[in-house]
């Protein structure tokens, strides 16, 4: 294999469920047909002879698909409910209790409900930033790690690191159980890209060890080792929607951002890709279906009917600003 965030939020309206729910949140999915947006950007040209300004289509050459870059969670596998389960198991294991809970709830370990977690994971990328934000808003908890709410930043870092490490190991156990399958069309699209000589990469905001385990179990060790680039949250300082992870991938692949195509499932990932100067297609999940994907060049419910030639044609229609 060639190469292996904090965001500012307005005052939150998230309300955590006191306990997990057995039913998935209701949502109105977008039209199941693919929504394709062809981007045509214009440039302004001043004519010296006429002294006037007019608009014309950019004459820049269209992009050529040279690298296909996948997110992991939500794209290669439907994983958010598995992450939520692992977090709640960690909170229960360390008896994490927040002071902002009601008197009855404060006697029970913290439990992130389905609806709440859907909102949280779609607004904040990365597990540690999620917990730091939550505890900052709802009060730092007591636990078997600290009998009193930690006040020093080094103690708060220790708390979050301990929870995240335990959660990661629990998540690995769930993945290794053999009950998790890759999303439709993912493996075929990866194989088509490699067969066509395209560069292939995976860029995930999750912890590297958990992403490696997911990829080895879901796409297979041979496909994983054949990746031209693999990056996880540990490899960059800032999480998505910061573009760092995609800019780093472009550099390691040796491919211009305009010739890379990213496959994402959420608006956070979409923002990271577009800020890196890359085009992005969306394959949404039940928890991201209602998000605003106006900057994506195409939107799909899954990749089952998508072929590499479809993506090549899409990217050719994107005319970059010169």
Protein backbone atom coordinates (compact mmCIF):
# COMPACT_ATOMS: atom_id res chain seq x y z
CA UNK A 1 0.00 0.00 0.00
CA UNK A 2 1.62 3.25 -1.13
CA UNK A 3 0.45 5.29 1.87
CA UNK A 4 -1.34 4.23 4.58
CA UNK A 5 -11.93 19.36 14.54
CA UNK A 6 -13.22 21.09 16.02
CA UNK A 7 -16.17 23.07 14.62
CA UNK A 8 -17.95 25.96 16.22
CA UNK A 9 -21.60 25.24 16.90
CA UNK A 10 -24.41 27.61 17.73
CA UNK A 11 -26.21 27.01 20.99
CA UNK A 12 -27.40 23.41 20.60
CA UNK A 13 -30.97 22.21 20.41
CA UNK A 14 -29.98 18.58 20.78
CA UNK A 15 -31.90 16.76 23.48
CA UNK A 16 -30.45 13.37 24.38
CA UNK A 17 -32.90 10.54 24.83
CA UNK A 18 -32.84 9.13 28.35
CA UNK A 19 -32.53 5.65 26.97
CA UNK A 20 -31.92 3.97 23.63
CA UNK A 21 -34.83 3.42 21.32
CA UNK A 22 -35.54 0.23 19.44
CA UNK A 23 -36.95 1.99 16.42
CA UNK A 24 -35.07 3.93 13.79
CA UNK A 25 -35.91 7.63 13.37
CA UNK A 26 -38.52 8.46 10.80
CA UNK A 27 -37.40 10.47 7.82
CA UNK A 28 -38.52 11.44 4.37
CA UNK A 29 -35.78 10.22 2.00
CA UNK A 30 -34.92 12.07 -1.16
CA UNK A 31 -36.24 10.79 -4.44
CA UNK A 32 -34.67 7.31 -4.76
CA UNK A 33 -33.67 8.18 -8.30
CA UNK A 34 -30.21 9.63 -8.66
CA UNK A 35 -30.11 13.41 -8.51
CA UNK A 36 -27.37 14.72 -10.76
CA UNK A 37 -26.14 18.27 -10.69
CA UNK A 38 -23.82 19.44 -13.45
CA UNK A 39 -21.79 22.37 -12.28
CA UNK A 40 -21.12 25.07 -14.84
CA UNK A 41 -19.04 27.92 -13.51
CA UNK A 42 -18.41 31.09 -15.42
CA UNK A 43 -15.53 33.46 -15.64
CA UNK A 44 -15.54 37.12 -16.51
CA UNK A 45 -13.52 38.25 -19.52
CA UNK A 46 -12.80 41.91 -20.29
CA UNK A 47 -12.48 42.76 -23.97
CA UNK A 48 -9.75 45.36 -24.48
CA UNK A 49 -11.08 46.47 -27.86
CA UNK A 50 -14.67 46.95 -26.74
CA UNK A 51 -13.93 48.02 -23.18
CA UNK A 52 -16.91 45.97 -21.99
CA UNK A 53 -17.38 42.99 -19.71
CA UNK A 54 -19.07 39.81 -20.81
CA UNK A 55 -19.51 36.32 -19.46
CA UNK A 56 -18.59 33.18 -21.27
CA UNK A 57 -18.21 29.52 -20.41
CA UNK A 58 -14.86 28.64 -18.91
CA UNK A 59 -12.59 27.07 -21.46
CA UNK A 60 -10.73 25.06 -18.84
CA UNK A 61 -10.55 21.38 -19.67
CA UNK A 62 -12.96 19.17 -17.72
CA UNK A 63 -11.66 16.94 -14.95
CA UNK A 64 -10.54 13.38 -15.62
CA UNK A 65 -11.19 10.69 -13.01
CA UNK A 66 -7.80 9.50 -11.80
CA UNK A 67 -8.53 8.67 -8.15
CA UNK A 68 -11.61 7.37 -6.36
CA UNK A 69 -11.70 8.20 -2.64
CA UNK A 70 -14.12 6.54 -0.22
CA UNK A 71 -15.20 7.54 3.25
CA UNK A 72 -15.62 4.51 5.52
CA UNK A 73 -18.44 4.90 8.06
CA UNK A 74 -21.76 5.32 6.25
CA UNK A 75 -20.22 4.63 2.82
CA UNK A 76 -18.48 1.26 3.02
CA UNK A 77 -20.74 0.15 5.86
CA UNK A 78 -23.79 1.38 7.75
CA UNK A 79 -22.03 1.92 11.04
CA UNK A 80 -23.56 4.74 13.05
CA UNK A 81 -25.85 2.47 15.07
CA UNK A 82 -22.81 0.31 15.86
CA UNK A 83 -20.81 3.34 17.06
CA UNK A 84 -23.75 4.45 19.21
CA UNK A 85 -23.98 1.01 20.79
CA UNK A 86 -20.23 1.04 21.52
CA UNK A 87 -20.41 4.51 23.13
CA UNK A 88 -23.34 3.51 25.33
CA UNK A 89 -21.53 0.32 26.35
CA UNK A 90 -18.52 2.45 27.32
CA UNK A 91 -20.68 4.83 29.36
CA UNK A 92 -22.24 1.88 31.15
CA UNK A 93 -18.89 0.17 31.75
CA UNK A 94 -17.43 3.27 33.45
CA UNK A 95 -20.78 4.29 35.03
CA UNK A 96 -20.62 7.73 33.36
CA UNK A 97 -23.29 10.05 34.82
CA UNK A 98 -23.79 13.70 33.93
CA UNK A 99 -25.03 16.33 36.44
CA UNK A 100 -27.54 17.84 33.98
CA UNK A 101 -29.65 14.68 33.92
CA UNK A 102 -32.87 14.51 35.93
CA UNK A 103 -32.69 12.94 39.38
CA UNK A 104 -33.89 9.58 38.09
CA UNK A 105 -31.66 9.63 35.01
CA UNK A 106 -28.61 10.75 36.98
CA UNK A 107 -28.68 7.40 38.76
CA UNK A 108 -28.29 5.64 35.40
CA UNK A 109 -25.28 5.70 33.06
CA UNK A 110 -25.37 8.13 30.17
CA UNK A 111 -27.19 6.71 27.14
CA UNK A 112 -27.30 8.42 23.75
CA UNK A 113 -30.64 7.70 22.05
CA UNK A 114 -31.06 7.08 18.34
CA UNK A 115 -32.56 10.45 17.40
CA UNK A 116 -30.03 12.38 19.47
CA UNK A 117 -27.05 10.48 18.11
CA UNK A 118 -28.22 10.96 14.53
CA UNK A 119 -28.14 14.73 15.08
CA UNK A 120 -24.85 14.64 16.98
CA UNK A 121 -22.91 12.53 14.49
CA UNK A 122 -24.15 14.66 11.60
CA UNK A 123 -22.87 17.86 13.24
CA UNK A 124 -19.58 16.85 14.87
CA UNK A 125 -16.98 14.59 13.31
CA UNK A 126 -14.82 12.30 15.43
CA UNK A 127 -15.55 10.54 18.71
CA UNK A 128 -13.42 12.65 21.03
CA UNK A 129 -14.84 15.97 19.75
CA UNK A 130 -18.35 14.53 20.20
CA UNK A 131 -17.75 13.71 23.87
CA UNK A 132 -15.90 16.94 24.61
CA UNK A 133 -18.78 18.95 23.14
CA UNK A 134 -21.41 16.93 24.99
CA UNK A 135 -19.71 17.17 28.39
CA UNK A 136 -19.03 20.87 27.81
CA UNK A 137 -22.75 21.45 27.26
CA UNK A 138 -24.25 19.05 29.79
CA UNK A 139 -21.61 19.10 32.50
CA UNK A 140 -18.54 16.94 33.01
CA UNK A 141 -19.55 13.60 34.50
CA UNK A 142 -18.67 11.48 37.47
CA UNK A 143 -17.51 7.97 36.66
CA UNK A 144 -15.36 5.12 37.89
CA UNK A 145 -12.48 6.99 36.21
CA UNK A 146 -13.02 10.16 38.30
CA UNK A 147 -15.27 10.17 41.36
CA UNK A 148 -15.78 13.91 40.90
CA UNK A 149 -16.27 15.81 37.65
CA UNK A 150 -12.77 16.55 36.28
CA UNK A 151 -11.86 20.22 36.27
CA UNK A 152 -8.27 20.24 35.03
CA UNK A 153 -7.94 19.94 31.28
CA UNK A 154 -5.42 17.10 31.61
CA UNK A 155 -7.98 15.12 33.62
CA UNK A 156 -10.67 15.81 31.03
CA UNK A 157 -8.33 14.61 28.30
CA UNK A 158 -7.67 11.45 30.30
CA UNK A 159 -11.39 10.83 30.74
CA UNK A 160 -12.15 11.22 27.04
CA UNK A 161 -9.11 9.17 25.98
CA UNK A 162 -10.07 6.34 28.33
CA UNK A 163 -13.67 6.29 27.12
CA UNK A 164 -12.64 6.46 23.47
CA UNK A 165 -10.09 3.67 23.81
CA UNK A 166 -12.62 1.36 25.48
CA UNK A 167 -15.30 2.30 22.97
CA UNK A 168 -12.93 1.52 20.08
CA UNK A 169 -12.19 -1.95 21.43
CA UNK A 170 -15.91 -2.60 21.91
CA UNK A 171 -16.59 -1.46 18.34
CA UNK A 172 -13.94 -3.88 17.09
CA UNK A 173 -15.68 -6.72 18.88
CA UNK A 174 -18.94 -5.85 17.14
CA UNK A 175 -17.25 -5.73 13.73
CA UNK A 176 -15.48 -9.06 14.31
CA UNK A 177 -18.79 -10.72 15.21
CA UNK A 178 -19.39 -11.37 11.51
CA UNK A 179 -22.83 -9.75 11.49
CA UNK A 180 -21.80 -6.63 9.54
CA UNK A 181 -21.86 -6.47 5.72
CA UNK A 182 -20.53 -3.82 3.29
CA UNK A 183 -23.10 -1.56 1.63
CA UNK A 184 -24.38 -2.61 -1.82
CA UNK A 185 -22.11 -1.91 -4.79
CA UNK A 186 -19.03 -0.85 -2.82
CA UNK A 187 -16.82 -3.85 -3.54
CA UNK A 188 -17.73 -3.96 -7.25
CA UNK A 189 -16.96 -0.26 -7.68
CA UNK A 190 -13.59 -0.65 -5.94
CA UNK A 191 -12.70 -3.58 -8.17
CA UNK A 192 -13.74 -1.69 -11.32
CA UNK A 193 -11.55 1.26 -10.33
CA UNK A 194 -8.48 -0.89 -9.71
CA UNK A 195 -9.04 -2.84 -12.94
CA UNK A 196 -9.20 0.45 -14.86
CA UNK A 197 -5.91 1.62 -13.37
CA UNK A 198 -7.44 4.30 -11.15
CA UNK A 199 -5.93 5.22 -7.79
CA UNK A 200 -8.03 4.03 -4.85
CA UNK A 201 -8.11 5.54 -1.34
CA UNK A 202 -10.08 5.42 1.90
CA UNK A 203 -10.23 8.51 4.15
CA UNK A 204 -12.05 8.17 7.47
CA UNK A 205 -12.32 10.44 10.50
CA UNK A 206 -12.52 7.39 12.79
CA UNK A 207 -9.69 5.92 14.88
CA UNK A 208 -7.14 4.18 12.65
CA UNK A 209 -7.21 0.81 14.43
CA UNK A 210 -11.00 0.56 14.14
CA UNK A 211 -10.97 1.58 10.46
CA UNK A 212 -8.28 -1.01 9.66
CA UNK A 213 -10.35 -3.68 11.35
CA UNK A 214 -13.48 -2.62 9.44
CA UNK A 215 -11.70 -2.64 6.09
CA UNK A 216 -9.96 -5.97 6.64
CA UNK A 217 -13.25 -7.60 7.64
CA UNK A 218 -15.54 -5.91 5.11
CA UNK A 219 -13.52 -5.38 1.92
CA UNK A 220 -10.97 -8.11 2.63
CA UNK A 221 -7.26 -7.99 3.39
CA UNK A 222 -6.25 -8.19 -0.29
CA UNK A 223 -8.33 -5.13 -1.27
CA UNK A 224 -7.17 -3.26 1.81
CA UNK A 225 -3.50 -3.87 1.06
CA UNK A 226 -4.01 -2.83 -2.56
CA UNK A 227 -5.24 0.66 -1.57
CA UNK A 228 -3.03 3.41 -2.91
CA UNK A 229 -3.70 5.54 0.16
CA UNK A 230 -5.39 5.02 3.51
CA UNK A 231 -5.88 7.81 6.04
CA UNK A 232 -7.72 7.89 9.37
CA UNK A 233 -8.51 10.52 11.96
CA UNK A 234 -5.16 9.90 13.66
CA UNK A 235 -3.31 11.07 10.53
CA UNK A 236 -4.53 14.69 10.50
CA UNK A 237 -4.91 17.36 13.15
CA UNK A 238 -8.35 18.58 12.11
CA UNK A 239 -11.44 16.45 11.55
CA UNK A 240 -13.97 16.77 8.73
CA UNK A 241 -15.44 19.19 7.61
CA UNK A 242 -11.87 20.49 7.57
CA UNK A 243 -10.37 19.46 4.20
CA UNK A 244 -7.01 18.33 5.63
CA UNK A 245 -7.61 14.60 5.20
CA UNK A 246 -8.54 14.95 1.52
CA UNK A 247 -5.73 17.39 0.76
CA UNK A 248 -3.29 14.95 2.38
CA UNK A 249 -4.71 12.11 0.28
CA UNK A 250 -4.34 14.15 -2.91
CA UNK A 251 -0.71 14.83 -2.08
CA UNK A 252 0.10 11.20 -1.27
CA UNK A 253 -1.71 9.91 -4.34
CA UNK A 254 0.05 12.42 -6.56
CA UNK A 255 -3.29 13.35 -8.11
CA UNK A 256 -4.70 16.87 -8.44
CA UNK A 257 -7.83 17.45 -6.29
CA UNK A 258 -9.86 18.24 -9.42
CA UNK A 259 -9.12 14.72 -10.75
CA UNK A 260 -10.19 13.04 -7.51
CA UNK A 261 -13.79 11.96 -6.88
CA UNK A 262 -14.96 11.46 -3.31
CA UNK A 263 -17.79 9.17 -2.17
CA UNK A 264 -19.38 10.44 1.06
CA UNK A 265 -22.62 9.93 3.01
CA UNK A 266 -22.96 13.14 5.04
CA UNK A 267 -22.82 16.90 4.65
CA UNK A 268 -19.76 17.02 6.93
CA UNK A 269 -17.86 14.78 4.53
CA UNK A 270 -19.23 16.66 1.52
CA UNK A 271 -17.94 19.95 2.95
CA UNK A 272 -14.50 18.44 3.57
CA UNK A 273 -14.30 17.20 -0.03
CA UNK A 274 -15.49 20.41 -1.70
CA UNK A 275 -13.25 22.56 0.50
CA UNK A 276 -10.34 20.43 -0.75
CA UNK A 277 -11.35 21.26 -4.31
CA UNK A 278 -12.72 17.78 -5.03
CA UNK A 279 -16.02 16.75 -6.58
CA UNK A 280 -18.20 14.53 -4.41
CA UNK A 281 -21.05 12.06 -4.88
CA UNK A 282 -23.33 11.17 -1.99
CA UNK A 283 -24.68 7.76 -1.03
CA UNK A 284 -26.95 8.68 1.87
CA UNK A 285 -28.08 6.62 4.86
CA UNK A 286 -31.26 6.77 6.94
CA UNK A 287 -29.58 9.20 9.33
CA UNK A 288 -28.27 11.56 6.63
CA UNK A 289 -31.06 11.43 4.03
CA UNK A 290 -32.57 14.78 5.01
CA UNK A 291 -29.32 16.74 4.82
CA UNK A 292 -28.64 19.44 2.24
CA UNK A 293 -26.42 17.95 -0.45
CA UNK A 294 -26.70 20.80 -2.96
CA UNK A 295 -22.93 20.86 -3.53
CA UNK A 296 -22.75 17.18 -4.51
CA UNK A 297 -22.55 16.35 -8.22
CA UNK A 298 -24.81 13.32 -7.71
CA UNK A 299 -26.89 11.73 -4.95
CA UNK A 300 -27.69 8.02 -4.65
CA UNK A 301 -29.52 5.85 -2.07
CA UNK A 302 -26.70 3.30 -2.51
CA UNK A 303 -24.08 2.26 -5.06
CA UNK A 304 -25.78 -0.92 -6.30
CA UNK A 305 -26.56 0.44 -9.78
CA UNK A 306 -23.53 2.69 -10.16
CA UNK A 307 -20.63 1.87 -12.47
CA UNK A 308 -17.21 3.45 -12.85
CA UNK A 309 -18.11 4.75 -16.31
CA UNK A 310 -21.03 6.64 -14.75
CA UNK A 311 -18.66 8.42 -12.38
CA UNK A 312 -16.23 9.22 -15.20
CA UNK A 313 -19.03 10.85 -17.20
CA UNK A 314 -20.20 12.81 -14.17
CA UNK A 315 -16.75 14.22 -13.50
CA UNK A 316 -16.29 15.18 -17.15
CA UNK A 317 -19.41 17.37 -16.91
CA UNK A 318 -17.96 19.37 -14.02
CA UNK A 319 -16.37 22.46 -15.57
CA UNK A 320 -13.94 24.05 -13.08
CA UNK A 321 -13.47 27.80 -12.77
CA UNK A 322 -10.31 28.89 -14.51
